[in-house]
Amino acid sequence: MAKPHSTSRTLITLALLGVLAVACAMMGNWQLRRAAERDAIMQTIEAGRKAAPLKLDAATPDGELVQWRQAATHGVWLHDFTVLLDNRNFKGKPGFWVATPLLIDPATRTAVLVLRGWLPRPILPGESLPPLPRPEGMQQVQGQIVSHVPRMFELWSLSGKAASALPKLPLPDKTPPRVQNLPLQDLASATGLKLLPAVLEQTGGAGSAGGAEPFVQEWPQPSTDSDQNRGYALQWFGFACIAAVAALVVAWRALRRRTQPAR
């Protein structure tokens, strides 16, 4: 007959193995959900890139602003409202994204925010960011549509105010402010502009990589490697099976001890 302390130890072991099996199975299911999310993102990207190029103007319906769709527009750069997005790396190098509104309808002050490209951060002592090019007059711009400026993780200051809070624009010295994130509603409040509910990541036109402006225009896209998540899911389900088998072995041995005659 099994001793009381042996029975308690067996029950604790079974409980721990059961919790471990359930936790591993939950992690496996989470990885499968992540794989499904990445598949959906890939489908969205492919659908957007297969859509016919869009002629973007102030009257463009919101439903036409499909993620990753190619678009072209024309307007005037509002250089005094340029914002530098900090902590944007390119191939391991720190730098900025340059974001400037393009005025596409002066009558209604309607504009679209354009991410013009990446510039390296000055690193050496005494080095400074070069003056940003300021092409004037009507400009033709091509790019791909995204729903918002991609966000970076942001720490909050001790005062509870966002570290990247956008001041009223333009600044007195006309220098572009540096922020980490740029919600469209914040830019609209800071400038008084009516912004389209989408952002254009520039890939061509005035200031393109092949033009006069020194911007790098290789834009990151979300990770779509769903096979990696499925591989992780198989690993977690394997761990769950190992824990379940171990629990069965412990229970079987405990049952054998109880049924064996005492000596």
C-alpha atoms as a PDB file:
ATOM      1  CA  MET A   1       0.000   0.000   0.000  1.00  0.00           C
ATOM      2  CA  ALA A   2       1.313   3.467  -0.908  1.00  0.00           C
ATOM      3  CA  LYS A   3       2.473   5.698   1.917  1.00  0.00           C
ATOM      4  CA  PRO A   4       0.609   9.045   2.464  1.00  0.00           C
ATOM      5  CA  HIS A   5       3.654  11.189   1.657  1.00  0.00           C
ATOM      6  CA  SER A   6       4.233   9.187  -1.532  1.00  0.00           C
ATOM      7  CA  THR A   7       0.607   9.753  -2.569  1.00  0.00           C
ATOM      8  CA  SER A   8       0.923  13.505  -1.968  1.00  0.00           C
ATOM      9  CA  ARG A   9       4.121  13.657  -3.992  1.00  0.00           C
ATOM     10  CA  THR A  10       2.448  11.773  -6.828  1.00  0.00           C
ATOM     11  CA  LEU A  11      -0.567  14.111  -6.847  1.00  0.00           C
ATOM     12  CA  ILE A  12       1.670  17.188  -6.901  1.00  0.00           C
ATOM     13  CA  THR A  13       3.700  15.738  -9.766  1.00  0.00           C
ATOM     14  CA  LEU A  14       0.543  14.934 -11.740  1.00  0.00           C
ATOM     15  CA  ALA A  15      -0.818  18.454 -11.145  1.00  0.00           C
ATOM     16  CA  LEU A  16       2.423  20.084 -12.311  1.00  0.00           C
ATOM     17  CA  LEU A  17       2.621  17.899 -15.405  1.00  0.00           C
ATOM     18  CA  GLY A  18      -1.029  18.655 -16.186  1.00  0.00           C
ATOM     19  CA  VAL A  19      -0.446  22.400 -15.894  1.00  0.00           C
ATOM     20  CA  LEU A  20       2.664  22.091 -18.065  1.00  0.00           C
ATOM     21  CA  ALA A  21       0.779  20.151 -20.745  1.00  0.00           C
ATOM     22  CA  VAL A  22      -2.060  22.673 -20.824  1.00  0.00           C
ATOM     23  CA  ALA A  23       0.343  25.650 -20.904  1.00  0.00           C
ATOM     24  CA  CYS A  24       2.341  24.149 -23.791  1.00  0.00           C
ATOM     25  CA  ALA A  25      -0.853  23.377 -25.719  1.00  0.00           C
ATOM     26  CA  MET A  26      -2.000  26.988 -25.208  1.00  0.00           C
ATOM     27  CA  MET A  27       1.344  28.291 -26.508  1.00  0.00           C
ATOM     28  CA  GLY A  28       0.991  26.032 -29.548  1.00  0.00           C
ATOM     29  CA  ASN A  29      -2.493  27.409 -30.260  1.00  0.00           C
ATOM     30  CA  TRP A  30      -1.172  30.961 -29.856  1.00  0.00           C
ATOM     31  CA  GLN A  31       1.531  30.278 -32.436  1.00  0.00           C
ATOM     32  CA  LEU A  32      -1.116  28.917 -34.835  1.00  0.00           C
ATOM     33  CA  ARG A  33      -3.122  32.127 -34.372  1.00  0.00           C
ATOM     34  CA  ARG A  34       0.010  34.183 -35.093  1.00  0.00           C
ATOM     35  CA  ALA A  35       0.546  32.122 -38.256  1.00  0.00           C
ATOM     36  CA  ALA A  36      -3.037  32.850 -39.352  1.00  0.00           C
ATOM     37  CA  GLU A  37      -2.522  36.576 -38.669  1.00  0.00           C
ATOM     38  CA  ARG A  38       0.646  36.612 -40.768  1.00  0.00           C
ATOM     39  CA  ASP A  39      -1.146  34.762 -43.578  1.00  0.00           C
ATOM     40  CA  ALA A  40      -3.869  37.430 -43.477  1.00  0.00           C
ATOM     41  CA  ILE A  41      -1.241  40.203 -43.613  1.00  0.00           C
ATOM     42  CA  MET A  42       0.397  38.548 -46.619  1.00  0.00           C
ATOM     43  CA  GLN A  43      -2.975  38.321 -48.377  1.00  0.00           C
ATOM     44  CA  THR A  44      -3.598  42.023 -47.662  1.00  0.00           C
ATOM     45  CA  ILE A  45      -0.200  42.973 -49.064  1.00  0.00           C
ATOM     46  CA  GLU A  46      -0.712  40.883 -52.203  1.00  0.00           C
ATOM     47  CA  ALA A  47      -4.240  42.221 -52.741  1.00  0.00           C
ATOM     48  CA  GLY A  48      -3.056  45.811 -52.365  1.00  0.00           C
ATOM     49  CA  ARG A  49      -0.164  45.389 -54.765  1.00  0.00           C
ATOM     50  CA  LYS A  50      -2.374  43.680 -57.343  1.00  0.00           C
ATOM     51  CA  ALA A  51      -4.930  46.511 -57.258  1.00  0.00           C
ATOM     52  CA  ALA A  52      -4.855  49.084 -60.055  1.00  0.00           C
ATOM     53  CA  PRO A  53      -2.718  52.150 -59.232  1.00  0.00           C
ATOM     54  CA  LEU A  54      -4.741  54.900 -57.597  1.00  0.00           C
ATOM     55  CA  LYS A  55      -4.878  58.563 -58.596  1.00  0.00           C
ATOM     56  CA  LEU A  56      -4.918  60.184 -55.165  1.00  0.00           C
ATOM     57  CA  ASP A  57      -6.768  63.478 -54.599  1.00  0.00           C
ATOM     58  CA  ALA A  58      -8.898  65.199 -51.986  1.00  0.00           C
ATOM     59  CA  ALA A  59     -12.059  63.444 -53.206  1.00  0.00           C
ATOM     60  CA  THR A  60     -10.636  59.908 -53.064  1.00  0.00           C
ATOM     61  CA  PRO A  61     -13.082  57.727 -51.059  1.00  0.00           C
ATOM     62  CA  ASP A  62     -11.693  56.173 -47.898  1.00  0.00           C
ATOM     63  CA  GLY A  63     -12.563  52.735 -49.269  1.00  0.00           C
ATOM     64  CA  GLU A  64     -10.054  53.211 -52.088  1.00  0.00           C
ATOM     65  CA  LEU A  65      -7.171  53.781 -49.659  1.00  0.00           C
ATOM     66  CA  VAL A  66      -6.224  50.107 -49.611  1.00  0.00           C
ATOM     67  CA  GLN A  67      -3.094  49.089 -47.721  1.00  0.00           C
ATOM     68  CA  TRP A  68      -0.030  48.538 -49.970  1.00  0.00           C
ATOM     69  CA  ARG A  69      -1.826  49.840 -53.057  1.00  0.00           C
ATOM     70  CA  GLN A  70       0.301  51.865 -55.441  1.00  0.00           C
ATOM     71  CA  ALA A  71      -0.775  55.481 -55.742  1.00  0.00           C
ATOM     72  CA  ALA A  72       0.259  58.725 -57.418  1.00  0.00           C
ATOM     73  CA  THR A  73      -0.637  62.304 -56.629  1.00  0.00           C
ATOM     74  CA  HIS A  74       0.523  65.858 -57.135  1.00  0.00           C
ATOM     75  CA  GLY A  75       0.695  68.853 -54.855  1.00  0.00           C
ATOM     76  CA  VAL A  76       2.947  71.286 -53.040  1.00  0.00           C
ATOM     77  CA  TRP A  77       5.281  70.282 -50.232  1.00  0.00           C
ATOM     78  CA  LEU A  78       4.553  71.971 -46.897  1.00  0.00           C
ATOM     79  CA  HIS A  79       8.162  72.017 -45.729  1.00  0.00           C
ATOM     80  CA  ASP A  80       7.467  74.039 -42.589  1.00  0.00           C
ATOM     81  CA  PHE A  81       5.394  71.093 -41.346  1.00  0.00           C
ATOM     82  CA  THR A  82       8.130  68.495 -41.869  1.00  0.00           C
ATOM     83  CA  VAL A  83       8.650  66.085 -38.952  1.00  0.00           C
ATOM     84  CA  LEU A  84      11.609  63.777 -38.304  1.00  0.00           C
ATOM     85  CA  LEU A  85      10.722  60.329 -36.994  1.00  0.00           C
ATOM     86  CA  ASP A  86      13.489  59.214 -34.667  1.00  0.00           C
ATOM     87  CA  ASN A  87      14.919  55.730 -34.003  1.00  0.00           C
ATOM     88  CA  ARG A  88      14.267  54.396 -37.494  1.00  0.00           C
ATOM     89  CA  ASN A  89      17.060  52.018 -38.413  1.00  0.00           C
ATOM     90  CA  PHE A  90      18.096  50.959 -41.894  1.00  0.00           C
ATOM     91  CA  LYS A  91      20.353  47.903 -42.236  1.00  0.00           C
ATOM     92  CA  GLY A  92      21.476  48.338 -38.655  1.00  0.00           C
ATOM     93  CA  LYS A  93      22.243  52.065 -38.984  1.00  0.00           C
ATOM     94  CA  PRO A  94      20.329  54.587 -36.831  1.00  0.00           C
ATOM     95  CA  GLY A  95      18.517  57.370 -38.580  1.00  0.00           C
ATOM     96  CA  PHE A  96      15.303  59.288 -39.254  1.00  0.00           C
ATOM     97  CA  TRP A  97      12.298  59.007 -41.504  1.00  0.00           C
ATOM     98  CA  VAL A  98      11.428  62.365 -43.058  1.00  0.00           C
ATOM     99  CA  ALA A  99       7.666  62.989 -43.059  1.00  0.00           C
ATOM    100  CA  THR A 100       6.222  65.975 -44.933  1.00  0.00           C
ATOM    101  CA  PRO A 101       2.587  66.804 -45.778  1.00  0.00           C
ATOM    102  CA  LEU A 102       1.830  67.315 -49.460  1.00  0.00           C
ATOM    103  CA  LEU A 103      -0.930  69.871 -50.028  1.00  0.00           C
ATOM    104  CA  ILE A 104      -3.244  68.412 -52.694  1.00  0.00           C
ATOM    105  CA  ASP A 105      -6.204  70.817 -52.375  1.00  0.00           C
ATOM    106  CA  PRO A 106      -5.391  74.402 -51.268  1.00  0.00           C
ATOM    107  CA  ALA A 107      -9.071  75.392 -51.134  1.00  0.00           C
ATOM    108  CA  THR A 108      -9.863  72.926 -48.354  1.00  0.00           C
ATOM    109  CA  ARG A 109      -6.281  72.652 -46.989  1.00  0.00           C
ATOM    110  CA  THR A 110      -6.415  68.938 -47.684  1.00  0.00           C
ATOM    111  CA  ALA A 111      -3.059  67.164 -47.594  1.00  0.00           C
ATOM    112  CA  VAL A 112      -1.606  63.678 -47.534  1.00  0.00           C
ATOM    113  CA  LEU A 113       1.272  62.819 -45.235  1.00  0.00           C
ATOM    114  CA  VAL A 114       4.213  61.472 -47.241  1.00  0.00           C
ATOM    115  CA  LEU A 115       7.062  59.476 -45.762  1.00  0.00           C
ATOM    116  CA  ARG A 116       9.783  60.772 -48.059  1.00  0.00           C
ATOM    117  CA  GLY A 117      12.573  58.427 -46.998  1.00  0.00           C
ATOM    118  CA  TRP A 118      15.352  57.623 -44.527  1.00  0.00           C
ATOM    119  CA  LEU A 119      18.360  59.696 -43.558  1.00  0.00           C
ATOM    120  CA  PRO A 120      21.281  58.519 -41.360  1.00  0.00           C
ATOM    121  CA  ARG A 121      21.626  60.002 -37.895  1.00  0.00           C
ATOM    122  CA  PRO A 122      24.755  62.172 -37.359  1.00  0.00           C
ATOM    123  CA  ILE A 123      27.073  60.208 -35.075  1.00  0.00           C
ATOM    124  CA  LEU A 124      30.532  61.826 -35.094  1.00  0.00           C
ATOM    125  CA  PRO A 125      31.287  64.818 -32.825  1.00  0.00           C
ATOM    126  CA  GLY A 126      30.396  68.060 -34.548  1.00  0.00           C
ATOM    127  CA  GLU A 127      28.432  66.238 -37.247  1.00  0.00           C
ATOM    128  CA  SER A 128      24.946  67.544 -37.951  1.00  0.00           C
ATOM    129  CA  LEU A 129      22.022  66.578 -40.113  1.00  0.00           C
ATOM    130  CA  PRO A 130      22.403  68.137 -43.576  1.00  0.00           C
ATOM    131  CA  PRO A 131      19.784  70.682 -44.644  1.00  0.00           C
ATOM    132  CA  LEU A 132      16.704  68.931 -45.947  1.00  0.00           C
ATOM    133  CA  PRO A 133      15.944  69.539 -49.636  1.00  0.00           C
ATOM    134  CA  ARG A 134      12.958  71.841 -50.140  1.00  0.00           C
ATOM    135  CA  PRO A 135      11.671  71.469 -53.717  1.00  0.00           C
ATOM    136  CA  GLU A 136       9.135  74.172 -54.482  1.00  0.00           C
ATOM    137  CA  GLY A 137       6.140  74.306 -56.773  1.00  0.00           C
ATOM    138  CA  MET A 138       3.876  71.510 -57.984  1.00  0.00           C
ATOM    139  CA  GLN A 139       5.376  68.063 -57.415  1.00  0.00           C
ATOM    140  CA  GLN A 140       4.475  64.613 -58.731  1.00  0.00           C
ATOM    141  CA  VAL A 141       4.786  61.866 -56.106  1.00  0.00           C
ATOM    142  CA  GLN A 142       4.379  58.092 -56.344  1.00  0.00           C
ATOM    143  CA  GLY A 143       4.337  55.585 -53.530  1.00  0.00           C
ATOM    144  CA  GLN A 144       2.435  52.891 -51.693  1.00  0.00           C
ATOM    145  CA  ILE A 145      -0.448  53.442 -49.291  1.00  0.00           C
ATOM    146  CA  VAL A 146      -0.294  52.458 -45.637  1.00  0.00           C
ATOM    147  CA  SER A 147      -2.980  53.158 -43.062  1.00  0.00           C
ATOM    148  CA  HIS A 148      -0.717  54.979 -40.580  1.00  0.00           C
ATOM    149  CA  VAL A 149       2.883  55.794 -39.771  1.00  0.00           C
ATOM    150  CA  PRO A 150       4.410  52.545 -38.451  1.00  0.00           C
ATOM    151  CA  ARG A 151       4.790  52.833 -34.696  1.00  0.00           C
ATOM    152  CA  MET A 152       7.826  52.296 -32.501  1.00  0.00           C
ATOM    153  CA  PHE A 153       7.779  51.322 -28.832  1.00  0.00           C
ATOM    154  CA  GLU A 154       7.691  54.527 -26.816  1.00  0.00           C
ATOM    155  CA  LEU A 155       8.582  55.197 -23.192  1.00  0.00           C
ATOM    156  CA  TRP A 156       6.463  57.708 -21.304  1.00  0.00           C
ATOM    157  CA  SER A 157       8.033  60.581 -19.418  1.00  0.00           C
ATOM    158  CA  LEU A 158       7.660  60.910 -15.660  1.00  0.00           C
ATOM    159  CA  SER A 159       5.103  63.672 -16.186  1.00  0.00           C
ATOM    160  CA  GLY A 160       2.816  61.235 -17.973  1.00  0.00           C
ATOM    161  CA  LYS A 161       3.142  63.132 -21.239  1.00  0.00           C
ATOM    162  CA  ALA A 162       4.116  61.215 -24.361  1.00  0.00           C
ATOM    163  CA  ALA A 163       7.789  61.620 -25.148  1.00  0.00           C
ATOM    164  CA  SER A 164       6.934  62.239 -28.786  1.00  0.00           C
ATOM    165  CA  ALA A 165       4.201  64.831 -28.225  1.00  0.00           C
ATOM    166  CA  LEU A 166       4.082  67.049 -31.303  1.00  0.00           C
ATOM    167  CA  PRO A 167       4.323  70.831 -30.747  1.00  0.00           C
ATOM    168  CA  LYS A 168       2.369  73.396 -32.701  1.00  0.00           C
ATOM    169  CA  LEU A 169       3.835  73.798 -36.188  1.00  0.00           C
ATOM    170  CA  PRO A 170       5.722  75.480 -37.633  1.00  0.00           C
ATOM    171  CA  LEU A 171       8.272  76.030 -34.872  1.00  0.00           C
ATOM    172  CA  PRO A 172       9.603  79.593 -34.502  1.00  0.00           C
ATOM    173  CA  ASP A 173      12.988  78.644 -35.990  1.00  0.00           C
ATOM    174  CA  LYS A 174      11.335  76.490 -38.698  1.00  0.00           C
ATOM    175  CA  THR A 175      13.411  73.447 -37.693  1.00  0.00           C
ATOM    176  CA  PRO A 176      11.614  70.096 -37.986  1.00  0.00           C
ATOM    177  CA  PRO A 177      10.689  68.562 -34.627  1.00  0.00           C
ATOM    178  CA  ARG A 178      11.925  65.065 -33.781  1.00  0.00           C
ATOM    179  CA  VAL A 179       9.379  62.584 -32.485  1.00  0.00           C
ATOM    180  CA  GLN A 180       9.248  58.833 -32.189  1.00  0.00           C
ATOM    181  CA  ASN A 181       5.663  58.280 -33.358  1.00  0.00           C
ATOM    182  CA  LEU A 182       3.349  60.421 -35.447  1.00  0.00           C
ATOM    183  CA  PRO A 183      -0.409  59.761 -35.279  1.00  0.00           C
ATOM    184  CA  LEU A 184      -2.231  61.526 -38.087  1.00  0.00           C
ATOM    185  CA  GLN A 185      -4.639  63.228 -35.687  1.00  0.00           C
ATOM    186  CA  ASP A 186      -1.687  64.776 -33.820  1.00  0.00           C
ATOM    187  CA  LEU A 187      -0.256  66.190 -37.031  1.00  0.00           C
ATOM    188  CA  ALA A 188      -3.668  67.531 -38.068  1.00  0.00           C
ATOM    189  CA  SER A 189      -4.037  69.292 -34.693  1.00  0.00           C
ATOM    190  CA  ALA A 190      -0.508  70.725 -34.871  1.00  0.00           C
ATOM    191  CA  THR A 191      -0.887  72.078 -38.410  1.00  0.00           C
ATOM    192  CA  GLY A 192      -4.595  72.758 -38.935  1.00  0.00           C
ATOM    193  CA  LEU A 193      -4.536  70.612 -42.061  1.00  0.00           C
ATOM    194  CA  LYS A 194      -7.228  68.216 -43.210  1.00  0.00           C
ATOM    195  CA  LEU A 195      -5.274  65.002 -43.713  1.00  0.00           C
ATOM    196  CA  LEU A 196      -6.333  62.001 -45.755  1.00  0.00           C
ATOM    197  CA  PRO A 197      -6.778  58.957 -43.465  1.00  0.00           C
ATOM    198  CA  ALA A 198      -3.739  57.236 -44.954  1.00  0.00           C
ATOM    199  CA  VAL A 199      -0.016  57.720 -45.445  1.00  0.00           C
ATOM    200  CA  LEU A 200       1.995  57.528 -48.663  1.00  0.00           C
ATOM    201  CA  GLU A 201       5.397  55.819 -48.476  1.00  0.00           C
ATOM    202  CA  GLN A 202       7.191  57.509 -51.347  1.00  0.00           C
ATOM    203  CA  THR A 203       8.876  55.318 -53.936  1.00  0.00           C
ATOM    204  CA  GLY A 204       9.137  57.701 -56.875  1.00  0.00           C
ATOM    205  CA  GLY A 205       8.528  61.168 -58.224  1.00  0.00           C
ATOM    206  CA  ALA A 206      10.058  64.346 -56.862  1.00  0.00           C
ATOM    207  CA  GLY A 207      12.648  63.467 -54.268  1.00  0.00           C
ATOM    208  CA  SER A 208      12.786  59.785 -55.160  1.00  0.00           C
ATOM    209  CA  ALA A 209      15.875  57.694 -54.554  1.00  0.00           C
ATOM    210  CA  GLY A 210      17.004  58.347 -58.104  1.00  0.00           C
ATOM    211  CA  GLY A 211      16.280  62.054 -57.922  1.00  0.00           C
ATOM    212  CA  ALA A 212      17.945  65.009 -56.294  1.00  0.00           C
ATOM    213  CA  GLU A 213      17.024  64.227 -52.689  1.00  0.00           C
ATOM    214  CA  PRO A 214      19.299  61.943 -50.631  1.00  0.00           C
ATOM    215  CA  PHE A 215      16.587  59.758 -49.122  1.00  0.00           C
ATOM    216  CA  VAL A 216      16.654  55.967 -48.957  1.00  0.00           C
ATOM    217  CA  GLN A 217      13.198  54.647 -49.857  1.00  0.00           C
ATOM    218  CA  GLU A 218      13.351  50.965 -48.985  1.00  0.00           C
ATOM    219  CA  TRP A 219      10.342  50.569 -46.700  1.00  0.00           C
ATOM    220  CA  PRO A 220       9.993  47.717 -44.200  1.00  0.00           C
ATOM    221  CA  GLN A 221       6.955  45.486 -44.308  1.00  0.00           C
ATOM    222  CA  PRO A 222       5.403  43.307 -41.587  1.00  0.00           C
ATOM    223  CA  SER A 223       6.854  39.852 -41.068  1.00  0.00           C
ATOM    224  CA  THR A 224       4.901  37.276 -43.076  1.00  0.00           C
ATOM    225  CA  ASP A 225       6.880  34.134 -42.227  1.00  0.00           C
ATOM    226  CA  SER A 226       3.948  32.063 -40.962  1.00  0.00           C
ATOM    227  CA  ASP A 227       5.866  28.791 -41.446  1.00  0.00           C
ATOM    228  CA  GLN A 228       8.113  29.808 -38.576  1.00  0.00           C
ATOM    229  CA  ASN A 229       5.096  30.116 -36.274  1.00  0.00           C
ATOM    230  CA  ARG A 230       3.808  26.713 -37.366  1.00  0.00           C
ATOM    231  CA  GLY A 231       7.201  25.221 -36.574  1.00  0.00           C
ATOM    232  CA  TYR A 232       7.091  26.758 -33.103  1.00  0.00           C
ATOM    233  CA  ALA A 233       3.538  25.433 -32.676  1.00  0.00           C
ATOM    234  CA  LEU A 234       4.704  21.890 -33.433  1.00  0.00           C
ATOM    235  CA  GLN A 235       7.436  22.251 -30.828  1.00  0.00           C
ATOM    236  CA  TRP A 236       4.978  23.422 -28.175  1.00  0.00           C
ATOM    237  CA  PHE A 237       2.538  20.623 -28.997  1.00  0.00           C
ATOM    238  CA  GLY A 238       5.447  18.186 -28.751  1.00  0.00           C
ATOM    239  CA  PHE A 239       6.273  19.482 -25.275  1.00  0.00           C
ATOM    240  CA  ALA A 240       2.593  19.133 -24.328  1.00  0.00           C
ATOM    241  CA  CYS A 241       2.588  15.497 -25.495  1.00  0.00           C
ATOM    242  CA  ILE A 242       5.762  14.766 -23.539  1.00  0.00           C
ATOM    243  CA  ALA A 243       4.207  16.228 -20.382  1.00  0.00           C
ATOM    244  CA  ALA A 244       0.986  14.271 -20.940  1.00  0.00           C
ATOM    245  CA  VAL A 245       2.873  10.993 -21.480  1.00  0.00           C
ATOM    246  CA  ALA A 246       4.983  11.649 -18.383  1.00  0.00           C
ATOM    247  CA  ALA A 247       1.781  12.205 -16.377  1.00  0.00           C
ATOM    248  CA  LEU A 248       0.362   8.903 -17.629  1.00  0.00           C
ATOM    249  CA  VAL A 249       3.554   7.078 -16.656  1.00  0.00           C
ATOM    250  CA  VAL A 250       3.507   8.599 -13.168  1.00  0.00           C
ATOM    251  CA  ALA A 251      -0.165   7.716 -12.740  1.00  0.00           C
ATOM    252  CA  TRP A 252       0.396   4.156 -13.982  1.00  0.00           C
ATOM    253  CA  ARG A 253       3.302   3.590 -11.602  1.00  0.00           C
ATOM    254  CA  ALA A 254       1.325   5.000  -8.710  1.00  0.00           C
ATOM    255  CA  LEU A 255      -1.583   2.690  -9.530  1.00  0.00           C
ATOM    256  CA  ARG A 256       0.747  -0.318  -9.668  1.00  0.00           C
ATOM    257  CA  ARG A 257       2.129   0.510  -6.247  1.00  0.00           C
ATOM    258  CA  ARG A 258      -1.376   0.709  -4.798  1.00  0.00           C
ATOM    259  CA  THR A 259      -2.411  -2.635  -6.259  1.00  0.00           C
ATOM    260  CA  GLN A 260       0.727  -4.511  -5.254  1.00  0.00           C
ATOM    261  CA  PRO A 261       0.360  -6.529  -2.035  1.00  0.00           C
ATOM    262  CA  ALA A 262       2.283  -5.229   0.946  1.00  0.00           C
ATOM    263  CA  ARG A 263       5.392  -7.213   1.939  1.00  0.00           C
END
